Every structure is written in C-alpha cells, then in structure tokens.
Protein backbone atom coordinates (compact mmCIF):
# COMPACT_ATOMS: atom_id res chain seq x y z
CA MET A 1 0.00 0.02 -0.01
CA ASP A 2 1.37 3.48 -0.94
CA ALA A 3 0.15 7.08 -0.75
CA LYS A 4 -2.05 6.70 -3.86
CA ASP A 5 -3.99 3.89 -2.27
CA ILE A 6 -4.55 5.95 0.89
CA LEU A 7 -5.73 9.03 -1.06
CA GLY A 8 -7.78 6.99 -3.51
CA LEU A 9 -5.89 8.29 -6.53
CA PRO A 10 -5.41 6.34 -9.67
CA LYS A 11 -2.04 4.65 -10.04
CA ASN A 12 -1.44 6.26 -13.44
CA PRO A 13 1.37 8.78 -13.29
CA MET A 14 0.31 12.38 -13.03
CA PRO A 15 1.45 14.82 -15.68
CA GLY A 16 4.55 16.60 -14.66
CA GLY A 17 5.26 14.08 -11.87
CA PRO A 18 8.24 11.88 -11.55
CA LEU A 19 8.37 8.94 -13.88
CA GLU A 20 8.48 5.45 -12.48
CA LYS A 21 11.61 3.40 -13.12
CA ARG A 22 11.05 0.70 -15.64
CA PRO A 23 12.33 -2.69 -14.58
CA ARG A 24 15.46 -3.86 -16.47
CA PRO A 25 15.06 -6.78 -18.75
CA PRO A 26 16.48 -9.95 -17.22
CA LYS A 27 19.85 -10.97 -18.49
CA GLU A 28 20.11 -14.02 -20.58
CA SER A 29 21.55 -16.84 -18.56
CA GLN A 30 24.75 -18.18 -20.05
CA ARG A 31 25.65 -21.76 -19.61
CA LYS A 32 29.18 -22.60 -18.41
CA PRO A 33 31.09 -24.11 -21.27
CA ASP A 34 32.54 -27.51 -20.86
CA GLY A 35 36.19 -27.78 -19.92
CA VAL A 36 36.23 -24.55 -17.91
CA SER A 37 36.22 -24.71 -14.15
CA ARG A 38 33.55 -22.79 -12.15
CA GLU A 39 36.16 -20.54 -10.50
CA VAL A 40 37.70 -19.48 -13.81
CA TYR A 41 34.27 -18.91 -15.31
CA ALA A 42 33.22 -16.77 -12.32
CA LEU A 43 36.41 -14.67 -12.43
CA THR A 44 36.19 -13.95 -16.15
CA GLY A 45 32.46 -13.10 -16.08
CA GLY A 46 31.64 -15.49 -18.84
CA MET A 47 34.21 -13.94 -21.18
CA PRO A 48 37.09 -16.12 -22.40
CA PRO A 49 40.41 -15.11 -20.84
CA PRO A 50 42.89 -13.33 -23.12
CA LEU A 51 45.55 -15.66 -24.41
CA MET A 52 48.91 -14.69 -25.87
CA PRO A 53 51.14 -17.04 -27.77
CA GLY A 54 54.32 -18.09 -25.98
CA ILE A 55 56.34 -18.34 -29.17
CA ASP A 56 56.26 -16.62 -32.52
CA LEU A 57 53.63 -18.20 -34.71
CA SER A 58 55.94 -17.81 -37.72
CA LEU A 59 58.30 -20.38 -36.16
CA LEU A 60 55.51 -22.93 -36.19
CA LYS A 61 55.24 -22.81 -39.93
CA LYS A 62 56.92 -25.66 -41.70
CA LYS A 63 59.78 -24.77 -43.90
CA GLN A 64 58.84 -25.10 -47.44
CA GLN A 65 61.11 -27.48 -49.24
CA PRO A 66 62.64 -26.24 -52.50
CA SER A 67 60.74 -27.60 -55.39
CA ASP A 68 63.93 -28.58 -57.25
CA GLU A 69 65.03 -31.06 -54.51
CA LYS A 70 63.83 -34.65 -54.65
CA ILE A 71 64.35 -36.45 -51.35
CA THR A 72 64.07 -40.23 -51.05
CA TRP A 73 65.17 -42.85 -48.40
CA GLN A 74 67.01 -46.01 -49.33
CA TRP A 75 68.14 -49.13 -47.48
CA LEU A 76 71.91 -49.19 -48.11
CA PRO A 77 74.88 -51.01 -46.67
CA PHE A 78 77.70 -49.25 -44.78
CA SER A 79 81.00 -50.05 -43.07
CA SER A 80 82.84 -48.27 -40.20
CA SER A 81 86.49 -47.56 -39.93
CA ALA A 82 86.25 -48.12 -36.21
CA ARG A 83 85.92 -51.81 -36.80
CA SER A 84 88.80 -53.96 -37.96
CA ASP A 85 86.73 -56.96 -39.07
CA ASN A 86 85.09 -55.14 -42.05
CA LEU A 87 81.62 -55.95 -40.82
CA GLN A 88 78.94 -54.77 -43.24
CA LEU A 89 75.64 -53.56 -41.90
CA TYR A 90 72.58 -51.74 -43.40
CA HIS A 91 70.65 -48.65 -42.51
CA TRP A 92 68.27 -46.11 -44.03
CA VAL A 93 70.05 -43.30 -45.91
CA ARG A 94 68.54 -39.96 -46.97
CA ILE A 95 69.06 -39.48 -50.72
CA VAL A 96 68.81 -35.97 -52.23
CA ASN A 97 68.32 -35.77 -56.02
CA GLU A 98 69.38 -39.41 -56.33
CA VAL A 99 72.95 -38.65 -55.10
CA THR A 100 74.16 -41.32 -52.74
CA PRO A 101 76.31 -39.94 -49.87
CA SER A 102 79.81 -41.25 -49.64
CA GLY A 103 82.44 -41.33 -46.92
CA ASP A 104 83.00 -42.98 -43.62
CA TYR A 105 80.30 -43.84 -41.13
CA SER A 106 79.29 -40.66 -39.31
CA PHE A 107 79.62 -42.15 -35.86
CA ALA A 108 83.07 -43.60 -36.42
CA LYS A 109 84.66 -40.33 -35.19
CA PHE A 110 83.42 -41.11 -31.65
CA ASN A 111 85.51 -44.25 -31.45
CA LYS A 112 88.46 -43.40 -29.26
CA SER A 113 91.16 -45.87 -28.22
CA VAL A 114 94.09 -45.80 -25.79
CA ASP A 115 97.61 -45.90 -27.13
CA ILE A 116 99.30 -48.81 -25.46
CA LEU A 117 103.06 -48.92 -25.55
CA LYS A 118 104.73 -51.94 -27.12
CA TYR A 119 108.06 -53.36 -25.97
CA THR A 120 110.59 -55.73 -27.49
CA ASP A 121 112.24 -58.72 -25.98
CA GLU A 122 115.48 -56.84 -25.60
CA GLU A 123 113.77 -53.95 -23.76
CA TYR A 124 111.99 -56.40 -21.48
CA GLU A 125 115.21 -58.14 -20.55
CA LYS A 126 116.98 -54.82 -20.00
CA PHE A 127 114.38 -52.66 -18.29
CA LEU A 128 111.22 -54.61 -17.37
CA ASN A 129 112.32 -57.63 -15.47
CA ASP A 130 110.30 -58.26 -12.23
CA PRO A 131 110.65 -61.37 -10.01
CA THR A 132 106.89 -61.40 -9.27
CA TRP A 133 105.84 -61.22 -12.92
CA THR A 134 106.75 -63.38 -15.88
CA LYS A 135 106.99 -62.22 -19.46
CA GLU A 136 103.94 -64.27 -20.46
CA GLU A 137 101.81 -62.65 -17.78
CA THR A 138 103.01 -59.19 -18.73
CA ASP A 139 102.19 -59.90 -22.40
CA GLN A 140 98.70 -61.08 -21.46
CA LEU A 141 98.21 -57.94 -19.32
CA PHE A 142 99.11 -55.58 -22.12
CA ASP A 143 96.96 -57.46 -24.59
CA LEU A 144 93.95 -57.18 -22.26
CA CYS A 145 94.71 -53.43 -21.65
CA GLU A 146 94.64 -52.80 -25.35
CA ARG A 147 91.52 -54.85 -25.88
CA PHE A 148 89.45 -53.38 -23.05
CA ASP A 149 90.92 -49.81 -23.03
CA LEU A 150 92.41 -49.87 -19.55
CA ARG A 151 89.12 -51.00 -17.87
CA PHE A 152 90.98 -52.76 -15.08
CA ILE A 153 87.85 -54.22 -13.47
CA VAL A 154 87.19 -56.16 -16.72
CA ILE A 155 90.90 -56.96 -17.13
CA ALA A 156 91.08 -58.46 -13.64
CA ASP A 157 88.02 -60.58 -14.43
CA ARG A 158 89.56 -61.85 -17.67
CA PHE A 159 93.11 -62.29 -16.38
CA PRO A 160 94.04 -66.00 -16.19
CA ARG A 161 95.70 -65.74 -12.75
CA SER A 162 94.17 -64.29 -9.57
CA ARG A 163 95.59 -60.82 -9.49
CA SER A 164 94.06 -57.88 -7.74
CA VAL A 165 93.20 -54.68 -9.63
CA GLU A 166 95.91 -52.79 -7.78
CA GLU A 167 98.54 -55.30 -8.75
CA LEU A 168 97.51 -55.10 -12.43
CA LYS A 169 97.58 -51.30 -12.34
CA SER A 170 100.92 -51.23 -10.61
CA ARG A 171 102.47 -53.62 -13.19
CA TYR A 172 101.12 -51.81 -16.24
CA TYR A 173 102.03 -48.25 -15.04
CA SER A 174 105.50 -49.35 -13.88
CA VAL A 175 106.25 -50.91 -17.27
CA SER A 176 104.96 -47.91 -19.20
CA ARG A 177 106.97 -45.53 -16.96
CA ALA A 178 110.16 -47.56 -17.50
CA LEU A 179 109.61 -47.59 -21.30
CA ILE A 180 109.06 -43.75 -21.40
CA ILE A 181 112.24 -43.08 -19.42
CA SER A 182 114.39 -45.56 -21.36
CA ARG A 183 113.27 -44.22 -24.76
CA ALA A 184 113.80 -40.54 -23.87
CA GLN A 185 117.02 -38.88 -24.80
CA SER A 186 117.36 -37.23 -21.39
CA ALA A 187 115.39 -37.24 -18.13
CA VAL A 188 114.48 -33.57 -18.58
CA ASP A 189 112.47 -34.31 -21.70
CA VAL A 190 110.03 -36.52 -19.89
CA ALA A 191 110.11 -34.87 -16.45
CA ASN A 192 106.62 -33.41 -16.93
CA HIS A 193 105.04 -36.60 -18.30
CA PRO A 194 102.09 -37.69 -16.00
CA LEU A 195 103.36 -41.25 -15.53
CA VAL A 196 106.90 -40.00 -14.69
CA LYS A 197 105.85 -37.06 -12.53
CA GLU A 198 103.26 -38.95 -10.53
CA PRO A 199 104.04 -42.67 -10.32
CA TYR A 200 101.32 -45.08 -9.26
CA ASN A 201 101.34 -45.92 -5.50
CA THR A 202 99.70 -49.21 -4.56
CA ALA A 203 99.48 -48.46 -0.81
CA THR A 204 97.81 -45.15 -1.38
CA GLU A 205 95.25 -46.67 -3.74
CA ILE A 206 94.38 -49.41 -1.25
CA GLU A 207 93.92 -46.91 1.53
CA ARG A 208 91.78 -44.71 -0.67
CA LYS A 209 89.45 -47.58 -1.53
CA ARG A 210 89.26 -48.65 2.11
CA ALA A 211 88.31 -45.14 3.26
CA LEU A 212 85.79 -44.80 0.42
CA GLY A 213 84.20 -48.15 1.33
CA ALA A 214 83.94 -47.11 4.96
CA LEU A 215 82.33 -43.84 4.00
CA LEU A 216 79.76 -45.47 1.66
CA SER A 217 78.86 -48.13 4.25
CA GLN A 218 77.80 -45.60 6.92
CA THR A 219 74.20 -45.34 8.04
CA LYS A 220 72.15 -42.12 8.21
CA GLN A 221 72.59 -41.94 11.94
CA GLN A 222 76.36 -42.15 11.60
CA ASP A 223 76.28 -39.43 8.89
CA GLN A 224 74.31 -37.11 11.17
CA ARG A 225 76.58 -37.78 14.10
CA ILE A 226 79.68 -37.08 11.97
CA SER A 227 78.11 -33.85 10.73
CA LEU A 228 77.43 -32.65 14.31
CA ILE A 229 80.93 -33.53 15.37
CA THR A 230 82.35 -31.65 12.37
CA VAL A 231 80.36 -28.55 13.23
CA GLU A 232 81.41 -28.67 16.91
CA ALA A 233 85.04 -29.19 15.88
CA LYS A 234 84.88 -26.21 13.60
CA LYS A 235 83.49 -24.04 16.42
CA MET A 236 86.20 -25.22 18.77
CA ALA A 237 88.91 -24.48 16.19
CA GLU A 238 87.58 -20.97 15.63
CA THR A 239 87.42 -20.36 19.43
CA TRP A 240 91.00 -21.69 19.83
CA VAL A 241 92.27 -19.40 17.08
CA LYS A 242 90.59 -16.36 18.63
CA ASN A 243 92.10 -17.15 22.08
CA LYS A 244 95.53 -17.64 20.54
CA VAL A 245 95.27 -14.35 18.66
CA GLY A 246 94.18 -12.60 21.89
CA GLU A 247 97.04 -14.07 23.88
CA ALA A 248 99.73 -13.31 21.26
CA ALA A 249 98.20 -10.01 20.22
CA GLU A 250 100.88 -7.95 18.58
CA PRO A 251 100.58 -4.64 16.83
CA ILE A 252 100.29 -5.13 13.13
CA GLY A 253 102.80 -2.43 12.54
CA PRO A 254 105.08 -1.91 15.57
CA VAL A 255 107.10 0.77 13.79
CA ALA A 256 103.92 2.69 13.00
CA ASP A 257 102.56 2.29 16.58
CA SER A 258 105.58 2.92 18.76
CA GLU A 259 107.70 5.17 16.54
CA GLY A 260 105.19 6.08 13.87
CA ILE A 261 103.51 9.15 12.59
CA GLY A 262 101.47 9.56 15.78
CA ASN A 263 104.60 10.80 17.64
CA VAL A 264 105.89 13.11 14.89
CA ASN A 265 103.99 16.15 16.27
CA ALA A 266 105.44 15.70 19.75
CA MET A 267 108.94 15.35 18.36
CA VAL A 268 108.55 18.44 16.20
CA ASP A 269 107.24 20.48 19.17
CA SER A 270 110.19 19.33 21.27
CA GLY A 271 112.63 20.54 18.65
CA ALA A 272 113.95 17.17 17.57
CA PRO A 273 116.04 17.22 14.31
CA PRO A 274 114.51 15.59 11.22
CA SER A 275 117.21 12.87 11.25
CA SER A 276 115.76 11.52 14.48
CA LEU A 277 112.30 10.93 12.99
CA PRO A 278 111.16 7.24 12.75
CA SER A 279 112.11 5.00 9.89
CA ALA A 280 110.56 1.83 8.46
CA GLY A 281 113.63 -0.23 7.76
CA ALA A 282 112.36 -3.40 9.43
CA ALA A 283 108.74 -3.14 8.36
CA MET A 284 108.45 -6.43 6.57
CA ASP A 285 110.54 -8.56 8.93
CA GLY A 286 109.11 -11.73 10.37
CA SER A 287 108.58 -10.10 13.76
CA SER A 288 106.17 -7.56 12.30
CA ILE A 289 103.96 -10.11 10.60
CA PRO A 290 100.49 -10.21 12.26
CA ALA A 291 99.87 -13.14 14.61
CA SER A 292 96.62 -13.92 12.78
CA LEU A 293 98.60 -14.57 9.60
CA ARG A 294 101.47 -16.42 11.31
CA LEU A 295 98.94 -18.96 12.61
CA LEU A 296 97.87 -19.77 9.11
CA GLY A 297 101.34 -20.94 8.15
CA VAL A 298 100.95 -19.99 4.45
CA PHE A 299 99.73 -16.56 3.40
CA LEU A 300 100.26 -13.95 0.71
CA ARG A 301 102.77 -11.17 1.25
CA THR A 302 100.28 -8.72 -0.18
CA ASN A 303 97.93 -9.44 2.70
CA VAL A 304 100.75 -8.49 5.15
CA LEU A 305 101.43 -5.31 3.13
CA ASP A 306 97.72 -4.33 3.12
CA GLN A 307 97.51 -4.74 6.92
CA MET A 308 100.75 -2.85 7.46
CA VAL A 309 99.46 0.01 5.25
CA GLN A 310 96.18 0.13 7.12
CA SER A 311 98.07 0.24 10.45
CA THR A 312 100.24 3.10 9.14
CA ASN A 313 97.19 5.04 7.88
CA SER A 314 95.27 4.52 11.11
CA SER A 315 96.74 7.67 12.67
CA ALA A 316 96.06 9.78 9.52
CA GLY A 317 92.85 11.13 8.19
CA LEU A 318 91.10 10.33 4.94
CA ARG A 319 92.37 13.39 3.23
CA THR A 320 95.94 12.60 4.22
CA ILE A 321 95.62 9.05 2.87
CA LYS A 322 94.32 10.45 -0.42
CA ARG A 323 97.24 12.90 -0.59
CA VAL A 324 99.64 9.97 0.02
CA ASP A 325 98.16 8.03 -2.89
CA GLN A 326 98.22 11.09 -5.10
CA MET A 327 101.85 11.68 -4.25
CA LEU A 328 102.69 8.06 -5.09
CA GLN A 329 101.02 8.51 -8.46
CA ASP A 330 102.90 11.75 -9.09
CA LEU A 331 106.13 9.87 -8.35
CA GLY A 332 105.18 7.10 -10.78
CA VAL A 333 104.90 4.52 -8.05
CA ASN A 334 102.03 1.91 -8.09
CA ILE A 335 99.66 2.05 -5.18
CA LYS A 336 100.08 -1.70 -4.87
CA PRO A 337 103.37 -3.30 -6.02
CA LYS A 338 103.13 -5.49 -9.10
CA VAL A 339 105.87 -7.82 -7.83
CA PRO A 340 105.32 -7.94 -4.05
CA THR A 341 108.66 -9.46 -2.96
CA LYS A 342 109.92 -8.91 0.56
CA SER A 343 112.30 -6.12 -0.41
CA VAL A 344 109.75 -4.37 -2.66
CA CYS A 345 107.10 -4.44 0.06
CA SER A 346 109.57 -3.14 2.62
CA GLN A 347 110.62 -0.25 0.40
CA HIS A 348 107.01 0.51 -0.52
CA LEU A 349 105.98 0.70 3.10
CA GLU A 350 109.02 2.82 3.97
CA LEU A 351 108.18 5.27 1.21
CA ARG A 352 104.56 5.55 2.48
CA LYS A 353 105.81 6.29 6.01
CA GLU A 354 108.25 8.91 4.71
CA ILE A 355 105.50 10.58 2.79
CA LEU A 356 103.34 10.62 5.89
CA THR A 357 106.23 12.12 7.88
CA LEU A 358 106.71 14.78 5.16
CA LEU A 359 103.01 15.74 5.18
CA SER A 360 103.03 15.93 8.98
CA LEU A 361 106.06 18.15 8.96
CA GLN A 362 104.51 20.43 6.32
CA LYS A 363 101.39 20.69 8.41
CA GLN A 364 103.38 21.66 11.50
CA LEU A 365 105.36 24.21 9.44
CA GLN A 366 102.11 25.79 8.16
CA HIS A 367 100.76 25.97 11.67
CA LYS A 368 103.90 27.72 13.02
CA GLU A 369 104.00 30.16 10.09
CA SER A 370 100.32 31.06 10.62
CA GLU A 371 101.03 31.74 14.33
CA ALA A 372 104.06 33.90 13.50
CA SER A 373 102.12 35.92 10.91
CA ALA A 374 99.25 36.42 13.39
CA ASN A 375 101.70 37.79 16.03
CA ARG A 376 103.31 40.14 13.51
CA ASP A 377 99.85 41.50 12.50
CA SER A 378 98.83 42.09 16.13
CA LEU A 379 102.06 44.05 16.79
CA ALA A 380 101.68 46.15 13.59
CA GLU A 381 98.18 47.35 14.62
CA VAL A 382 99.44 49.22 17.74
CA PRO A 383 102.88 50.75 16.84
CA ASN A 384 103.00 53.57 19.52
CA THR A 385 102.22 51.37 22.50
CA PRO A 386 104.99 51.89 25.08
CA GLN A 387 106.67 48.78 26.27
CA ARG A 388 106.22 47.98 29.86
CA SER A 389 109.17 47.18 31.95
CA GLN A 390 109.48 43.65 33.06
CA ARG A 391 109.70 44.78 36.69
CA ALA A 392 107.04 47.52 36.59
CA ASP A 393 104.92 45.70 39.06
CA VAL A 394 107.90 45.61 41.47
CA ASP A 395 109.18 49.21 41.15
CA LYS A 396 105.74 50.85 41.24
CA ALA A 397 105.20 52.68 44.59
CA PHE A 398 102.14 51.94 46.68
CA ILE A 399 99.82 54.95 46.88
CA PRO A 400 96.80 54.57 49.20
CA GLU A 401 93.55 55.92 47.88
CA SER A 402 92.04 58.80 49.86
CA THR A 403 88.57 58.32 51.22
CA GLY A 404 85.95 61.01 51.58
CA PHE A 405 83.21 61.65 54.00
CA GLY A 406 81.39 58.54 55.15
CA GLY A 407 84.16 56.24 54.06
CA GLU A 408 83.50 56.64 50.31
CA ARG A 409 86.45 56.83 48.12
CA GLN A 410 87.08 60.27 46.70
CA GLY A 411 88.35 59.06 43.38
CA LYS A 412 85.27 56.96 42.89
CA ARG A 413 82.96 59.88 43.76
CA ASP A 414 84.79 62.17 41.28
CA ASN A 415 84.54 59.59 38.56
CA ARG A 416 80.81 59.35 39.23
CA LYS A 417 80.42 63.09 38.83
CA LYS A 418 82.46 63.17 35.64
CA VAL A 419 80.47 60.48 33.94
CA GLY A 420 77.18 62.33 34.04
CA GLY A 421 78.66 65.88 33.54
CA ARG A 422 80.09 67.75 30.64
CA PRO A 423 83.77 68.34 30.10
CA ALA A 424 85.08 71.69 31.25
CA ASP A 425 86.51 72.73 27.90
CA VAL A 426 83.16 72.37 26.09
CA PRO A 427 81.21 75.73 26.06
CA SER A 428 77.68 75.75 27.42
CA SER A 429 74.74 76.03 25.05
CA PRO A 430 72.91 79.32 24.87
CA PRO A 431 69.64 79.68 26.79
CA LEU A 432 66.51 78.89 24.94
CA SER A 433 64.05 81.79 24.34
CA LYS A 434 60.72 81.42 26.04
CA ARG A 435 57.66 81.54 23.87
CA PRO A 436 55.11 84.32 25.00
CA ARG A 437 52.19 83.15 26.98
CA LYS A 438 48.80 83.46 25.40
CA LEU A 439 46.52 86.10 26.84
CA LYS A 440 43.42 84.96 28.61
CA SER A 441 40.11 86.83 28.68
CA SER A 442 40.59 87.66 32.40
CA ASP A 443 43.72 89.60 31.59
CA GLY A 444 41.65 92.04 29.55
C-alpha cells in the first residue's frame, strides 16, 4: 500500500510528476562451457580469458622445401673404420636428387682408443724384469689393456691368474713408466710426463678404496653424528684461534705504533732534528707479521702489506691518505706493487711512511707560520704602544687611595660626577628663548 491507495488516486502517473523506473530486462543466462572450471568462469564473467602465444607463430610454420630437390630414403649397406673386421651392416640413408652420400660412417669419429706402448724382448730383458711377474703374464696384461681400453675391473676378471686390480695397475704403469724413461734422450724431456711425474702408488690406492668403502657403508645416523661432530670441531677451532690471537696479540705495525707518525707532532714540538724521525727499515721482517697470519702458516705477502698500510694510515685522516696516494702517483709508483717481494714491500711501506712524515712536517710548518704571521699582524696594529718594563709591578710605589666623608672613596665619587657631567673645555649652550604666553580673557 502506498500514498495513492490511501488518497484513492489512480495509479497512473500524473502529468509533470516523476516517472516510475522501468524494470530492467532480465539478463540471458549463459551456460558454463565444458572444460572450464567454475572458479575461472566466475572470475572472467563469462568472457574467455585473453591468451597470448608463448612463441612466435611464424616459427611454427613448416619450412617449405625447394621444389627442385627430390628426397628419397634407401636401405643401403655401410662399413665403419672403427671396426677392424670389415663388418657390413645396413641402414636407411637420406638421398637428395638421387645422389648417394659417400664417406666413412658418421659415428666412427666417436671411437676413441688408448695408445698402449709396445716393448721388445730386448727392452724387457733390460728394463722390465720383475721377479713377481713373468713375461707371459706381462704380455697377457698388455693385450687385455689394449683390448678393453684400460678398464681394469674387466681386465682383472679376464686375467688367467688371480691378481688384484691394484697389482695389475701397478705392473702396467711401472712398465709404461720404465719404457718412457728408457726411450727418452734425457730425463729432462720426460720430467713433466704424468706417468713420470706422478708414479702409481699401490698403498695409497688401497687406503683410498678402504676409506671410500667405509664412507659409503655408513648409516644415516652415523652421517648425522659425523656432521654434528664436524660442526662442533669447527666451532672449537675458531674459538681456539681467537684465544691464541688474543694471547699473542701484537701490533700489526710496531714501527707505526711505537715510533710512527702519531709521535711526529710531539717530536717536532720538542725541537727534535729531522734525522731523529722514525724510519721503516724493518717493516716487513718476520717479527712484524701479524699473529693472525702467522697462525695460518701459508699466506700472501700482499695481505701483510695491506694490513701494514692500514696500520700506518690509522693515525692519519682520509684526506691525508688520499694525498699519499696522489703523491705516489705523481712519483710514478704503483699504489700496490706489481711484484710484491719482501724487499719491494719493505721499500714501498718505508716510502709511504716517509711521505706521511713529510706531510705531517709540512702541516706543522704551516701551523707555526700562521702563528708567527698572526703575532706580527697584532704588533703592527698598535705601533706607539709603550713597552712595559718587566719589573714595573715591582718598582711601582704603593699609593693609598684617599677616602671622603662617610668612608666613600674620593676618586670613585669624582669619577661618578664626571660620567654624568660635561667636560670643562666644552662651552655651554645658549639659553632657549621662552615663547610668549597666550593672553586669557581675564587679563583684559
């Protein structure tokens, strides 16, 4: 029920009145297409999501074959140079314009073999005799090595006698090493050969395999326990190194700390001659190497030089360090030596300290010159000032001040009067003329 029903008015809209809103037509219900999930359909509002190709569509087009080429496939025989038995096999071959391809088998290039040294009977008798090996066994070993390309696991399985893998390796490498040395003109020519430089060690190989087998046979619990022990051991080692460094703490640059640039100012103020200023002759000695680096045993000399330079620059400011580097460049000296030998590092560090000493002396000289110029300027401003005697305070007679009435000092009272008054030599101003008074009515 609305106002029109209460007033008994028709429900038709009155002229000039507000128009009633027309109901919107219902939307056509769209059915969810198959293959699209309900969530995706609700998010897109019924519209298909925009899709962009991941690759260029032009790449998907097939290459058009030239019309002048005629390609066929034929079942043809082939042989490989990797085989020594001339075995003939067949395979499908791509034929272009009826031209049969020629040449070796394409996969023959992947056949790689090991070059096995050969020896003569004379060489065996002269260089290769071994009481534990006969010549027949050695010949069989080298034949199997050439056949199976030094796969010693297979060689040990095919060897007629029960020999371990380590024994077979030791015999093969010892014979090869002896042949290489005997055939060389001099020992220097084959000194860098792998078999001569690093001979095979049977005991080391056995120990390596034993350790590897023990490692591979561990359980997960043992692996976790070993990992925890390793972490704890690393922490203990770091703590031990820190304690050692703290106990044997030495200044990185003893010359820079005890006799370095920090004491130059005091020596200049005390009037010490320049020849007595500190020097860096023993900068790179073993005693000046930091304790943290000595504990390592092996370290780079450039690390020692860097730490010594940092210690030397610790007493200087950033601008001074930049001036030192600039002065080194002006002198044509590298900031870091290219060949950091002991003598080069020592001389480089000594040069840096001498430059720091020079800059400190220049700074002190500028300071003294500025003080002297300031004193000269102050004396030039008052040229007629009489000089006081050094014993004026001693020779001056004591004159008591006279006091006036009531205990007040006379001099103080006179000064008080002179402050507010006018000096006696200044003439007084003329009297001001009085303006005539206005007549009143009573004065008639």
